[in-house]
Amino acid sequence: MSGHSKWSTIKRKKGAADAKRGKIFTKLIRELSTAARIGGGDIESNPRLRLVVDKAKAANMPKDNIERAIAKGTGNLEGEQYDEGVYEGYGPGGVAILCETLSDNKNRTVGEVRHALTKNGGSLGQSGCVAYLFDKKGMVSFGGDGTDPDSLMEAALEAGAEDVIESDGGIDVVTVPGDFESVRDALRDGGFEPAEAEITMEPSTTVNLEGKDAETMLRLMEALEDLDDVQNVYANFEISEEEMSKFA
């Protein structure tokens, strides 16, 4: 919706200023180790690992850190083993929330997630309560400055993209997960360098928040993302640009 931003766009706008480098590296190390443990340490034959390595490089993680995390995942170095988890719940205004976690202690993780939710106007739900509201998608995102929307749309659709969405925050090229890498690489080859590229969970419907609910929801999302065990947080809300300006 024009003049509105979903959480993914809000986070992208806030990210550069709010990023905590050490915490980002902690999360990436867990992702690298887990991807290597599940699919092996060969980047060429492990798409999940390849994607995380790209994210680590984009975050300027040193090569030695990347290689050490992969070695721990494959068992060549001693390290913790992390189990994947998904927690679902609700935020202010009935917003649906999906948290993906990597943890070496699930009891600790669920306690921390529940605490963050209840402290910030939300609640933890049962498995499956909101997952049906989200679809896994590839997302290749571009900033609004210096990118020609028409040329990008033409190139994206020719490469096999599912959709191209233009908003105040930039342009998002949406793909089915299986086409993500080929579309991203085709756009790069065509001279379009993305600001961000990832496999994400996109909501099928959104809830527009205002006032106190909007402020509380932003605080809740930041509290969840600040947890070491939480890798990704998805939610189906949007906030108008006018409303966001009140929190700047």
Protein backbone atom coordinates (compact mmCIF):
# COMPACT_ATOMS: atom_id res chain seq x y z
CA MET A 1 0.00 0.00 0.00
CA SER A 2 1.41 3.36 -1.02
CA GLY A 3 2.56 5.43 1.91
CA HIS A 4 2.75 2.39 4.17
CA SER A 5 5.67 0.18 5.20
CA LYS A 6 5.67 -3.44 6.29
CA TRP A 7 8.10 -4.63 8.97
CA SER A 8 10.61 -5.83 6.37
CA THR A 9 10.81 -2.30 4.92
CA ILE A 10 10.85 -0.60 8.33
CA LYS A 11 13.69 -2.86 9.46
CA ARG A 12 15.68 -2.13 6.31
CA LYS A 13 15.35 1.62 6.88
CA LYS A 14 16.32 1.36 10.55
CA GLY A 15 18.91 -1.36 10.12
CA ALA A 16 22.01 0.66 9.29
CA ALA A 17 21.58 2.90 12.31
CA ASP A 18 20.41 0.24 14.75
CA ALA A 19 22.61 -2.70 13.76
CA LYS A 20 24.60 -4.27 16.58
CA ARG A 21 27.63 -5.77 14.86
CA GLY A 22 28.50 -8.33 17.56
CA LYS A 23 24.94 -9.64 17.77
CA ILE A 24 24.68 -9.91 13.98
CA PHE A 25 27.87 -11.99 13.92
CA THR A 26 26.57 -14.25 16.71
CA LYS A 27 23.43 -15.00 14.72
CA LEU A 28 25.34 -15.54 11.48
CA ILE A 29 27.77 -17.96 13.15
CA ARG A 30 24.84 -20.06 14.32
CA GLU A 31 23.31 -20.02 10.85
CA LEU A 32 26.60 -20.97 9.21
CA SER A 33 27.23 -23.85 11.61
CA THR A 34 23.68 -25.18 11.33
CA ALA A 35 23.61 -24.95 7.53
CA ALA A 36 26.95 -26.79 7.32
CA ARG A 37 25.81 -29.46 9.79
CA ILE A 38 22.60 -30.14 7.86
CA GLY A 39 23.83 -29.88 4.27
CA GLY A 40 27.62 -30.19 4.45
CA GLY A 41 30.41 -27.65 4.21
CA ASP A 42 30.63 -27.43 0.40
CA ILE A 43 29.13 -24.11 -0.63
CA GLU A 44 28.56 -25.21 -4.21
CA SER A 45 26.35 -28.15 -3.23
CA ASN A 46 24.65 -26.51 -0.23
CA PRO A 47 22.30 -23.65 -1.28
CA ARG A 48 21.37 -22.81 2.29
CA LEU A 49 25.02 -22.43 3.29
CA ARG A 50 25.75 -20.43 0.14
CA LEU A 51 23.01 -17.95 1.07
CA VAL A 52 24.29 -17.55 4.64
CA VAL A 53 27.87 -17.05 3.43
CA ASP A 54 26.59 -14.26 1.17
CA LYS A 55 24.86 -12.67 4.16
CA ALA A 56 28.01 -12.97 6.25
CA LYS A 57 30.12 -11.34 3.55
CA ALA A 58 27.55 -8.54 3.20
CA ALA A 59 27.86 -7.97 6.96
CA ASN A 60 31.67 -7.76 6.57
CA MET A 61 32.30 -10.85 8.67
CA PRO A 62 36.00 -11.84 8.44
CA LYS A 63 36.74 -14.84 6.24
CA ASP A 64 38.38 -16.69 9.16
CA ASN A 65 35.18 -16.39 11.22
CA ILE A 66 33.11 -17.79 8.35
CA GLU A 67 35.45 -20.73 7.79
CA ARG A 68 35.63 -21.50 11.52
CA ALA A 69 31.84 -21.51 11.87
CA ILE A 70 31.51 -23.89 8.91
CA ALA A 71 34.20 -26.18 10.37
CA LYS A 72 32.28 -26.35 13.65
CA GLY A 73 29.14 -27.30 11.76
CA THR A 74 30.86 -30.12 9.87
CA GLY A 75 32.51 -31.42 13.04
CA ASN A 76 36.07 -30.50 12.03
CA LEU A 77 36.20 -28.17 15.02
CA GLU A 78 34.49 -28.58 18.38
CA GLY A 79 31.42 -26.38 18.85
CA GLU A 80 27.83 -26.12 20.03
CA GLN A 81 25.03 -27.79 18.09
CA TYR A 82 21.95 -25.67 17.55
CA ASP A 83 18.43 -26.97 17.00
CA GLU A 84 15.94 -25.13 14.81
CA GLY A 85 12.63 -23.99 16.26
CA VAL A 86 9.62 -21.92 15.24
CA TYR A 87 7.49 -20.02 17.74
CA GLU A 88 4.19 -18.37 16.86
CA GLY A 89 2.23 -15.72 18.64
CA TYR A 90 0.31 -12.47 18.56
CA GLY A 91 1.16 -8.82 19.00
CA PRO A 92 -0.87 -5.66 19.62
CA GLY A 93 -3.91 -5.32 17.38
CA GLY A 94 -3.98 -9.06 16.67
CA VAL A 95 -0.79 -8.98 14.59
CA ALA A 96 0.54 -12.46 13.70
CA ILE A 97 4.18 -13.11 14.66
CA LEU A 98 6.49 -15.91 13.53
CA CYS A 99 9.92 -16.40 15.16
CA GLU A 100 12.60 -18.69 13.74
CA THR A 101 15.21 -19.73 16.30
CA LEU A 102 18.48 -21.62 16.60
CA SER A 103 19.15 -22.74 20.15
CA ASP A 104 21.21 -25.10 22.30
CA ASN A 105 18.56 -24.89 25.05
CA LYS A 106 14.93 -24.83 23.92
CA ASN A 107 13.60 -24.27 27.45
CA ARG A 108 15.62 -21.06 27.69
CA THR A 109 14.52 -19.97 24.24
CA VAL A 110 10.80 -20.42 24.74
CA GLY A 111 11.04 -18.62 28.08
CA GLU A 112 12.82 -15.64 26.53
CA VAL A 113 10.43 -15.45 23.59
CA ARG A 114 7.39 -15.64 25.88
CA HIS A 115 8.82 -12.95 28.15
CA ALA A 116 9.52 -10.57 25.25
CA LEU A 117 5.99 -11.07 23.93
CA THR A 118 4.12 -10.63 27.20
CA LYS A 119 6.25 -7.65 28.27
CA ASN A 120 5.37 -5.83 25.05
CA GLY A 121 1.66 -6.42 24.60
CA GLY A 122 1.84 -9.83 22.89
CA SER A 123 1.28 -13.48 23.70
CA LEU A 124 2.75 -16.84 22.74
CA GLY A 125 0.40 -19.07 20.73
CA GLN A 126 0.16 -22.73 19.80
CA SER A 127 2.11 -24.27 16.92
CA GLY A 128 0.28 -23.57 13.66
CA CYS A 129 -1.81 -20.69 14.98
CA VAL A 130 -0.42 -18.11 12.53
CA ALA A 131 1.97 -19.98 10.20
CA TYR A 132 -0.75 -20.33 7.56
CA LEU A 133 -0.73 -16.53 7.14
CA PHE A 134 2.85 -16.57 5.77
CA ASP A 135 4.37 -17.87 2.53
CA LYS A 136 8.06 -18.61 1.94
CA LYS A 137 9.40 -16.31 -0.78
CA GLY A 138 12.68 -15.16 -2.26
CA MET A 139 13.13 -11.41 -1.86
CA VAL A 140 15.68 -9.32 -3.74
CA SER A 141 15.47 -5.73 -2.53
CA PHE A 142 16.77 -2.52 -4.08
CA GLY A 143 16.97 1.01 -2.74
CA GLY A 144 14.86 3.65 -4.42
CA ASP A 145 17.80 5.90 -5.31
CA GLY A 146 19.43 5.41 -8.70
CA THR A 147 17.42 2.33 -9.71
CA ASP A 148 15.19 2.64 -12.76
CA PRO A 149 11.96 0.84 -11.80
CA ASP A 150 10.88 0.09 -15.37
CA SER A 151 14.23 -1.41 -16.38
CA LEU A 152 14.42 -3.42 -13.18
CA MET A 153 10.89 -4.74 -13.59
CA GLU A 154 11.57 -5.80 -17.17
CA ALA A 155 14.81 -7.55 -16.20
CA ALA A 156 13.22 -9.22 -13.15
CA LEU A 157 10.22 -10.60 -15.00
CA GLU A 158 12.43 -11.80 -17.85
CA ALA A 159 14.61 -13.61 -15.26
CA GLY A 160 11.57 -15.44 -13.87
CA ALA A 161 10.50 -13.25 -10.93
CA GLU A 162 7.00 -13.75 -9.55
CA ASP A 163 6.32 -10.07 -8.84
CA VAL A 164 7.95 -6.66 -8.54
CA ILE A 165 6.67 -4.35 -5.79
CA GLU A 166 7.54 -0.66 -5.70
CA SER A 167 7.14 1.27 -2.44
CA ASP A 168 8.43 4.42 -0.79
CA GLY A 169 11.31 2.41 0.66
CA GLY A 170 12.53 0.97 -2.65
CA ILE A 171 11.75 -1.95 -4.93
CA ASP A 172 11.29 -5.60 -3.96
CA VAL A 173 11.61 -8.39 -6.50
CA VAL A 174 9.65 -11.43 -5.30
CA THR A 175 10.41 -15.00 -6.40
CA VAL A 176 9.41 -18.52 -5.52
CA PRO A 177 12.20 -19.97 -3.32
CA GLY A 178 13.47 -22.29 -6.05
CA ASP A 179 14.08 -19.39 -8.46
CA PHE A 180 15.65 -17.06 -5.92
CA GLU A 181 19.33 -17.55 -6.77
CA SER A 182 18.84 -17.56 -10.55
CA VAL A 183 16.78 -14.34 -10.45
CA ARG A 184 19.22 -12.61 -8.08
CA ASP A 185 22.23 -13.61 -10.18
CA ALA A 186 20.53 -12.56 -13.44
CA LEU A 187 19.78 -9.12 -11.98
CA ARG A 188 23.36 -8.75 -10.76
CA ASP A 189 24.65 -9.72 -14.19
CA GLY A 190 22.34 -7.06 -15.63
CA GLY A 191 23.91 -4.36 -13.47
CA PHE A 192 21.32 -4.29 -10.68
CA GLU A 193 23.09 -4.79 -7.34
CA PRO A 194 20.60 -5.55 -4.55
CA ALA A 195 20.72 -3.89 -1.16
CA GLU A 196 19.53 -7.17 0.36
CA ALA A 197 18.69 -10.66 -0.89
CA GLU A 198 17.18 -13.42 1.25
CA ILE A 199 14.64 -16.18 1.62
CA THR A 200 11.90 -14.77 3.82
CA MET A 201 8.33 -15.34 5.00
CA GLU A 202 5.88 -12.89 3.47
CA PRO A 203 2.44 -12.32 5.05
CA SER A 204 -0.61 -12.93 2.86
CA THR A 205 -2.56 -10.21 4.72
CA THR A 206 -1.49 -7.25 6.83
CA VAL A 207 -2.85 -5.28 9.78
CA ASN A 208 -2.48 -1.49 9.75
CA LEU A 209 -1.34 -0.17 13.14
CA GLU A 210 -1.59 3.33 14.54
CA GLY A 211 -0.80 5.17 17.74
CA LYS A 212 0.05 3.15 20.83
CA ASP A 213 -0.35 -0.20 19.06
CA ALA A 214 2.20 0.86 16.41
CA GLU A 215 4.69 2.06 19.02
CA THR A 216 4.28 -1.08 21.14
CA MET A 217 4.60 -3.37 18.10
CA LEU A 218 7.88 -1.78 17.02
CA ARG A 219 9.22 -2.18 20.55
CA LEU A 220 8.11 -5.84 20.60
CA MET A 221 9.81 -6.63 17.28
CA GLU A 222 13.06 -5.06 18.43
CA ALA A 223 12.90 -7.00 21.72
CA LEU A 224 12.46 -10.29 19.86
CA GLU A 225 15.22 -9.56 17.35
CA ASP A 226 17.55 -8.65 20.21
CA LEU A 227 17.40 -12.22 21.57
CA ASP A 228 20.50 -14.26 20.67
CA ASP A 229 18.45 -17.40 19.93
CA VAL A 230 16.07 -15.64 17.54
CA GLN A 231 17.32 -15.64 13.95
CA ASN A 232 14.36 -14.11 12.12
CA VAL A 233 11.09 -12.45 13.13
CA TYR A 234 8.18 -12.03 10.73
CA ALA A 235 4.94 -10.16 11.37
CA ASN A 236 1.94 -9.15 9.27
CA PHE A 237 1.64 -5.47 10.16
CA GLU A 238 2.24 -2.20 8.37
CA ILE A 239 2.52 1.38 9.56
CA SER A 240 1.88 4.52 7.54
CA GLU A 241 4.77 6.84 6.74
CA GLU A 242 2.97 9.59 8.65
CA GLU A 243 2.70 7.36 11.71
CA MET A 244 6.34 6.27 11.46
CA SER A 245 7.46 9.92 11.46
CA LYS A 246 6.13 10.22 15.01
CA PHE A 247 8.69 7.64 16.21
CA ALA A 248 11.69 9.06 14.34
